[in-house]
Structures are given as structure tokens and as C-alpha cells.
Protein backbone atom coordinates (compact mmCIF):
# COMPACT_ATOMS: atom_id res chain seq x y z
CA UNK A 1 -128.14 17.82 -13.00
CA UNK A 2 -128.04 15.23 -16.23
CA UNK A 3 -127.08 18.08 -17.99
CA UNK A 4 -123.69 18.71 -15.86
CA UNK A 5 -122.98 14.94 -15.97
CA UNK A 6 -123.21 15.01 -19.76
CA UNK A 7 -120.82 18.23 -19.99
CA UNK A 8 -118.00 16.61 -17.46
CA UNK A 9 -118.07 13.06 -19.54
CA UNK A 10 -117.49 15.35 -22.56
CA UNK A 11 -114.61 17.38 -21.36
CA UNK A 12 -113.07 13.72 -19.97
CA UNK A 13 -113.27 12.40 -23.38
CA UNK A 14 -111.37 15.62 -24.97
CA UNK A 15 -108.68 14.99 -22.61
CA UNK A 16 -105.92 12.70 -24.23
CA UNK A 17 -104.59 9.94 -21.98
CA UNK A 18 -100.99 10.56 -20.61
CA UNK A 19 -98.20 7.77 -20.65
CA UNK A 20 -96.68 6.58 -17.52
CA UNK A 21 -92.99 7.93 -17.74
CA UNK A 22 -90.11 5.54 -17.24
CA UNK A 23 -89.01 5.33 -13.50
CA UNK A 24 -85.72 6.61 -12.51
CA UNK A 25 -84.47 3.69 -10.77
CA UNK A 26 -84.89 1.46 -13.51
CA UNK A 27 -81.65 -0.20 -14.89
CA UNK A 28 -80.54 0.93 -18.42
CA UNK A 29 -78.57 -1.53 -20.63
CA UNK A 30 -75.66 0.25 -21.67
CA UNK A 31 -75.15 -2.81 -24.44
CA UNK A 32 -78.00 -1.34 -25.88
CA UNK A 33 -76.90 1.88 -26.42
CA UNK A 34 -74.75 1.12 -29.21
CA UNK A 35 -73.09 -1.85 -30.58
CA UNK A 36 -69.27 -0.89 -30.67
CA UNK A 37 -66.85 -3.63 -32.17
CA UNK A 38 -64.88 -5.34 -29.76
CA UNK A 39 -61.09 -5.10 -30.34
CA UNK A 40 -58.52 -7.96 -30.24
CA UNK A 41 -56.49 -7.80 -27.29
CA UNK A 42 -53.68 -9.63 -29.63
CA UNK A 43 -54.00 -6.50 -32.01
CA UNK A 44 -53.27 -3.91 -29.13
CA UNK A 45 -49.81 -2.58 -29.02
CA UNK A 46 -47.81 -3.76 -25.54
CA UNK A 47 -47.44 -0.85 -23.35
CA UNK A 48 -44.00 0.74 -22.87
CA UNK A 49 -42.13 -0.65 -19.51
CA UNK A 50 -41.64 2.07 -17.45
CA UNK A 51 -39.87 0.06 -14.90
CA UNK A 52 -35.86 -0.90 -14.69
CA UNK A 53 -34.09 -2.94 -12.20
CA UNK A 54 -31.31 -2.49 -10.07
CA UNK A 55 -29.37 -3.45 -7.05
CA UNK A 56 -30.61 -1.93 -3.88
CA UNK A 57 -28.91 -2.61 -0.55
CA UNK A 58 -28.16 -6.03 -1.87
CA UNK A 59 -31.55 -6.91 -3.54
CA UNK A 60 -32.55 -6.81 -6.73
CA UNK A 61 -35.71 -4.12 -6.77
CA UNK A 62 -37.69 -3.25 -9.79
CA UNK A 63 -38.76 0.66 -9.90
CA UNK A 64 -40.16 3.53 -12.22
CA UNK A 65 -37.37 4.60 -14.41
CA UNK A 66 -35.24 7.43 -12.89
CA UNK A 67 -35.70 6.61 -9.79
CA UNK A 68 -32.55 5.02 -9.63
CA UNK A 69 -30.60 7.94 -10.17
CA UNK A 70 -32.37 9.59 -7.53
CA UNK A 71 -31.78 6.89 -4.90
CA UNK A 72 -28.17 6.95 -6.00
CA UNK A 73 -27.87 10.36 -5.68
CA UNK A 74 -29.29 9.92 -2.20
CA UNK A 75 -27.48 7.26 -0.97
CA UNK A 76 -24.40 9.08 -2.20
CA UNK A 77 -24.98 12.33 -0.10
CA UNK A 78 -25.92 10.22 2.81
CA UNK A 79 -22.55 8.42 2.53
CA UNK A 80 -20.67 11.38 2.35
CA UNK A 81 -22.75 13.23 4.91
CA UNK A 82 -22.19 10.22 7.37
CA UNK A 83 -17.93 10.61 6.14
CA UNK A 84 -18.07 14.20 6.95
CA UNK A 85 -19.69 13.39 10.26
CA UNK A 86 -17.23 10.78 11.25
CA UNK A 87 -14.20 12.64 10.13
CA UNK A 88 -15.47 15.73 12.27
CA UNK A 89 -16.31 13.08 15.29
CA UNK A 90 -12.63 11.80 14.86
CA UNK A 91 -11.30 15.41 14.90
CA UNK A 92 -13.33 16.73 18.17
CA UNK A 93 -12.17 13.23 19.90
CA UNK A 94 -8.33 13.59 18.66
CA UNK A 95 -8.78 17.38 19.88
CA UNK A 96 -10.25 16.12 23.38
CA UNK A 97 -7.20 13.68 23.49
CA UNK A 98 -4.76 16.45 22.72
CA UNK A 99 -6.00 18.62 25.27
CA UNK A 100 -6.22 15.89 28.08
CA UNK A 101 -2.18 15.15 26.76
CA UNK A 102 -1.39 18.36 27.26
CA UNK A 103 -3.22 19.17 30.53
CA UNK A 104 -1.50 15.58 31.93
CA UNK A 105 1.80 16.72 30.53
CA UNK A 106 1.67 19.92 32.20
CA UNK A 107 0.69 18.32 35.57
CA UNK A 108 3.19 15.62 34.97
CA UNK A 109 6.29 18.20 34.05
CA UNK A 110 5.16 20.26 37.18
CA UNK A 111 5.22 17.11 39.31
CA UNK A 112 8.75 16.19 38.27
CA UNK A 113 10.07 19.52 38.97
CA UNK A 114 8.47 19.57 42.17
CA UNK A 115 10.09 16.12 43.07
CA UNK A 116 13.18 17.12 42.18
CA UNK A 117 13.14 20.14 44.59
CA UNK A 118 11.87 18.63 47.34
CA UNK A 119 14.49 15.54 46.96
CA UNK A 120 17.26 18.17 46.98
CA UNK A 121 15.93 19.62 50.09
CA UNK A 122 15.72 16.34 51.55
CA UNK A 123 19.52 16.06 51.13
CA UNK A 124 19.98 18.55 53.84
CA UNK A 125 18.49 15.81 56.21
CA UNK A 126 20.37 12.90 54.83
CA UNK A 127 21.06 10.82 58.43
CA UNK A 128 18.82 12.76 60.39
CA UNK A 129 16.98 9.59 61.74
CA UNK A 130 14.97 9.06 65.05
CA UNK A 131 18.09 8.61 66.74
CA UNK A 132 19.71 11.95 65.71
CA UNK A 133 16.39 13.56 66.28
CA UNK A 134 16.20 12.17 70.32
CA UNK A 135 20.18 13.20 70.64
CA UNK A 136 19.12 16.85 68.96
CA UNK A 137 16.47 17.22 71.38
CA UNK A 138 18.60 16.77 74.45
CA UNK A 139 20.48 20.13 73.79
CA UNK A 140 17.79 22.22 71.57
CA UNK A 141 14.37 20.25 71.64
CA UNK A 142 12.69 23.31 69.79
CA UNK A 143 14.86 23.42 66.89
CA UNK A 144 15.29 19.57 66.88
CA UNK A 145 11.22 19.26 66.72
CA UNK A 146 11.23 21.89 63.93
CA UNK A 147 13.66 20.01 61.87
CA UNK A 148 12.25 16.51 62.50
CA UNK A 149 8.66 17.96 61.37
CA UNK A 150 9.76 19.59 58.36
CA UNK A 151 11.82 16.35 57.35
CA UNK A 152 8.69 14.36 58.01
CA UNK A 153 6.77 16.84 55.96
CA UNK A 154 9.38 16.93 53.01
CA UNK A 155 9.23 12.76 53.06
CA UNK A 156 5.58 12.66 52.50
CA UNK A 157 5.29 15.73 49.92
CA UNK A 158 8.09 13.58 48.15
CA UNK A 159 5.97 10.09 48.56
CA UNK A 160 3.07 11.90 47.16
CA UNK A 161 4.82 13.57 43.98
CA UNK A 162 6.28 10.07 43.32
CA UNK A 163 2.85 8.70 43.14
CA UNK A 164 1.56 11.56 40.82
CA UNK A 165 4.83 11.07 38.32
CA UNK A 166 4.32 7.05 38.50
CA UNK A 167 0.40 7.46 38.06
CA UNK A 168 1.06 9.70 34.68
CA UNK A 169 3.83 7.29 33.43
CA UNK A 170 1.78 4.18 33.58
CA UNK A 171 -1.00 6.13 31.98
CA UNK A 172 1.32 7.07 29.71
CA UNK A 173 2.37 3.88 28.52
CA UNK A 174 -0.98 2.38 28.33
CA UNK A 175 -2.04 5.00 25.89
CA UNK A 176 1.32 4.38 23.85
CA UNK A 177 0.42 0.51 24.38
CA UNK A 178 -3.24 0.81 22.76
CA UNK A 179 -1.95 3.17 19.99
CA UNK A 180 0.71 0.69 19.14
CA UNK A 181 -1.82 -2.15 19.08
CA UNK A 182 -4.22 0.22 16.74
CA UNK A 183 -1.88 1.03 14.24
CA UNK A 184 -0.60 -2.83 13.94
CA UNK A 185 -4.25 -3.66 13.89
CA UNK A 186 -5.04 -1.02 10.98
CA UNK A 187 -1.58 -2.11 9.15
CA UNK A 188 -2.93 -5.91 9.12
CA UNK A 189 -6.28 -5.24 8.01
CA UNK A 190 -4.84 -2.74 5.01
CA UNK A 191 -2.49 -5.52 3.75
CA UNK A 192 -4.47 -8.53 4.15
CA UNK A 193 -7.19 -6.55 1.88
CA UNK A 194 -4.31 -4.92 -0.61
CA UNK A 195 -1.30 -6.52 -0.65
CA UNK A 196 -1.12 -9.15 -3.02
CA UNK A 197 0.16 -12.57 -2.25
CA UNK A 198 -0.52 -12.01 1.43
CA UNK A 199 -0.81 -14.88 3.53
CA UNK A 200 -1.15 -15.87 7.19
CA UNK A 201 2.78 -16.95 7.17
CA UNK A 202 3.55 -13.38 5.76
CA UNK A 203 3.27 -11.17 8.77
CA UNK A 204 6.00 -13.80 10.83
CA UNK A 205 8.26 -13.59 7.44
CA UNK A 206 8.37 -9.64 7.26
CA UNK A 207 9.03 -9.35 11.34
CA UNK A 208 11.96 -11.95 11.13
CA UNK A 209 13.31 -10.24 8.12
CA UNK A 210 13.22 -6.93 9.60
CA UNK A 211 14.90 -8.45 12.67
CA UNK A 212 17.70 -10.16 10.91
CA UNK A 213 18.86 -6.85 9.53
CA UNK A 214 18.84 -4.95 12.71
CA UNK A 215 15.42 -3.56 13.17
CA UNK A 216 14.63 -4.02 16.87
CA UNK A 217 10.98 -4.90 17.82
CA UNK A 218 10.50 -1.43 19.44
CA UNK A 219 11.39 0.38 16.68
CA UNK A 220 8.89 -1.90 14.75
CA UNK A 221 6.41 -0.92 16.90
CA UNK A 222 7.01 2.69 17.05
CA UNK A 223 7.54 2.67 12.90
CA UNK A 224 4.99 -0.10 11.72
CA UNK A 225 2.23 1.72 9.33
CA UNK A 226 0.82 0.11 6.00
CA UNK A 227 3.86 1.84 4.10
CA UNK A 228 6.91 0.34 6.14
CA UNK A 229 4.84 -3.13 6.08
CA UNK A 230 4.94 -2.94 2.25
CA UNK A 231 8.77 -1.77 2.17
CA UNK A 232 9.83 -4.68 4.25
CA UNK A 233 7.68 -7.01 2.33
CA UNK A 234 8.81 -5.88 -1.11
CA UNK A 235 12.44 -5.79 0.13
CA UNK A 236 12.20 -9.48 1.76
CA UNK A 237 11.37 -10.55 -1.89
CA UNK A 238 13.94 -8.70 -3.59
CA UNK A 239 16.55 -10.50 -1.15
CA UNK A 240 15.31 -13.84 -1.63
CA UNK A 241 15.49 -13.39 -5.26
CA UNK A 242 19.09 -12.09 -5.30
CA UNK A 243 19.90 -15.22 -2.90
CA UNK A 244 19.09 -17.52 -5.56
CA UNK A 245 21.76 -18.72 -8.03
CA UNK A 246 21.81 -17.26 -11.20
CA UNK A 247 20.95 -19.87 -13.87
CA UNK A 248 23.98 -21.65 -15.89
CA UNK A 249 24.24 -20.24 -19.14
CA UNK A 250 23.48 -22.79 -22.07
CA UNK A 251 26.37 -23.99 -24.30
CA UNK A 252 26.50 -23.58 -27.61
CA UNK A 253 26.92 -26.43 -29.92
CA UNK A 254 30.08 -25.92 -32.16
CA UNK A 255 29.21 -24.88 -36.11
CA UNK A 256 29.41 -27.62 -38.33
CA UNK A 257 32.40 -28.02 -40.41
CA UNK A 258 31.98 -29.18 -43.93
CA UNK A 259 32.86 -32.65 -45.29
CA UNK A 260 35.64 -32.54 -47.08
CA UNK A 261 36.80 -35.17 -50.00
CA UNK A 262 39.67 -37.22 -49.93
CA UNK A 263 42.65 -35.06 -51.28
CA UNK A 264 41.41 -31.91 -49.05
CA UNK A 265 38.96 -30.82 -51.36
CA UNK A 266 35.33 -29.84 -50.03
CA UNK A 267 32.62 -31.56 -51.55
CA UNK A 268 30.25 -28.42 -52.47
CA UNK A 269 27.60 -31.49 -53.80
CA UNK A 270 27.45 -33.28 -50.25
CA UNK A 271 23.79 -31.40 -49.63
CA UNK A 272 22.45 -32.66 -52.80
CA UNK A 273 20.46 -36.09 -53.35
CA UNK A 274 21.93 -38.66 -55.95
CA UNK A 275 19.18 -37.64 -58.05
CA UNK A 276 20.55 -33.90 -58.32
CA UNK A 277 24.43 -35.18 -59.01
CA UNK A 278 26.14 -34.71 -61.93
CA UNK A 279 28.48 -37.44 -62.83
CA UNK A 280 31.59 -35.66 -61.50
CA UNK A 281 29.51 -34.86 -58.62
CA UNK A 282 28.41 -38.48 -58.15
CA UNK A 283 31.89 -39.41 -58.49
CA UNK A 284 33.09 -37.32 -56.30
CA UNK A 285 30.84 -38.49 -53.49
CA UNK A 286 31.30 -42.11 -54.14
CA UNK A 287 34.99 -41.38 -53.52
CA UNK A 288 34.26 -39.51 -50.41
CA UNK A 289 32.63 -42.43 -49.50
CA UNK A 290 28.46 -41.38 -49.65
CA UNK A 291 28.14 -43.63 -52.96
């Protein structure tokens, strides 16, 4: 036993002691890895500004460069697309109105034609009133009843056709009035925005000028548009300019005649000063009254 314990003790002395490894969870100080010199912020170049400022929907915005062109192209595309859609919608509405007007016009024309036929047929029964009908029944009741019923049918048909015609004419009048009002409003907005020198009194002045030249109000309503308005406006200005009296020409002063010396001789030295005159010129000037 003692020999075994001594052998184990010798083995333990031969095994070197193992140092404990660094734990994985121990924090590492990065600053200790290497002392790098700090760079002064003032020496660093300023980064290039990759943003630009521009107007967008009435506001100032700042966005990366290049985005403005893309937004503008997109806005232009959207605007043009909207314009095309509005134009297409307007054309479709106009086509629908034309179809309705055509159908209404056809119905209106048919009603007028039928009304003329019925009115012509009723002329045969002019004077065939109730008393005439009763008197006719005394001689031939069947024929009198037939004539009376037919006349009543024509009268009812005539009243119905007159109602159709009146309805179409009223609708047509309202449509024309709406079209005139719309055209007048568009004309007013156009000249207000584009006509140089326009004032709130300009409309009345243009209308009064047109009426003074023999244009009727009905003609103005049917023909008025921005071009006609501008022509009347310019014509009124020209008319007023021609009506103003021309300025009287300025009177030209008579040319100055050279002074003459006594005895009828001119004094060429009259424009000279006394210091510039010779003795002869001075004597002549004194004789002429200058000296």
C-alpha cells in the first residue's frame, strides 16, 4: 500500500498545472485592441448634398436628386390621361345628346305630320256640333252616330298630338336656353382671364355698342362666343378712337429775318459781340442802333 501511494504522488508531481482559460462571457475592450488616432471632424470633407428642393402641389419639398423629373413626368402623364378621359367623356355625352335629339326630332316631326293630317280631316266636320248631330240622328241614326264618334276620335287625337308637339318645343326651347347660358358663361370667363383691359363694365359696353350698330339681342345670344366678343370689343375701341377730334396742328413760327442797317444794307456783323467787331463793323452797328 505504501508503495502504491508513493507512485501516485510521483505521477501527480510530473503532471503540470493547467491554467484556466478565459471565459467566453468575459467582455472584451475594443479600445485595447489598438489605439487608432482620432480624425478631427473639421478635416473631414462635407458629404455631397444629394437632395434638391422643388415645388410640389403648392408646397416646397426636398427629395433626392432625380426624383423631381420622375414626379413631373408622372404628373404630366396623369394630367394628359385625365384630359383624354375628360375629352372621351365629353364626346360620349355629346353623342348621347345627339342621339336623343335625333330621336326627339324624329318623334317631333312625325307628330307634326300626323297633326297636319288630323287637322285636315277634321275640316270635314267643321260645324258638326252637338245640335247638328242630334238633327242628323233624326234622319239616319247609325250614320250620325258613326260620324259623331269619328269626329270625337279625331278631336282627341288632335289634342294628344298637340301635347306631344308642345312638349318637344318646350324641351327644345329649354335646351337652347341652357346652351346659350353655358356659352355666355364660357365667353365671360375667357375674356375675363385673357382680354387685356377687361373690367366689370366691359360686358355692358360691348353689348350696348353692338345694339347701337343694329345687332339684336337674339342675334347676340345665338352668335356670341369669345372670338365675337373680342371683335366687338376691339371695334368699340376703334370707333371711340375715330370719334375723338383730331389734335390741331401746331403753328410754325415765322423765320427770323436778318436785321438791316440804315440805308437798306444788312449788317452781317449783327451776330458778333462788340469785342469781335472791327472799327468799320462797330461804326455800322452804332448807326443801326446797337452801339
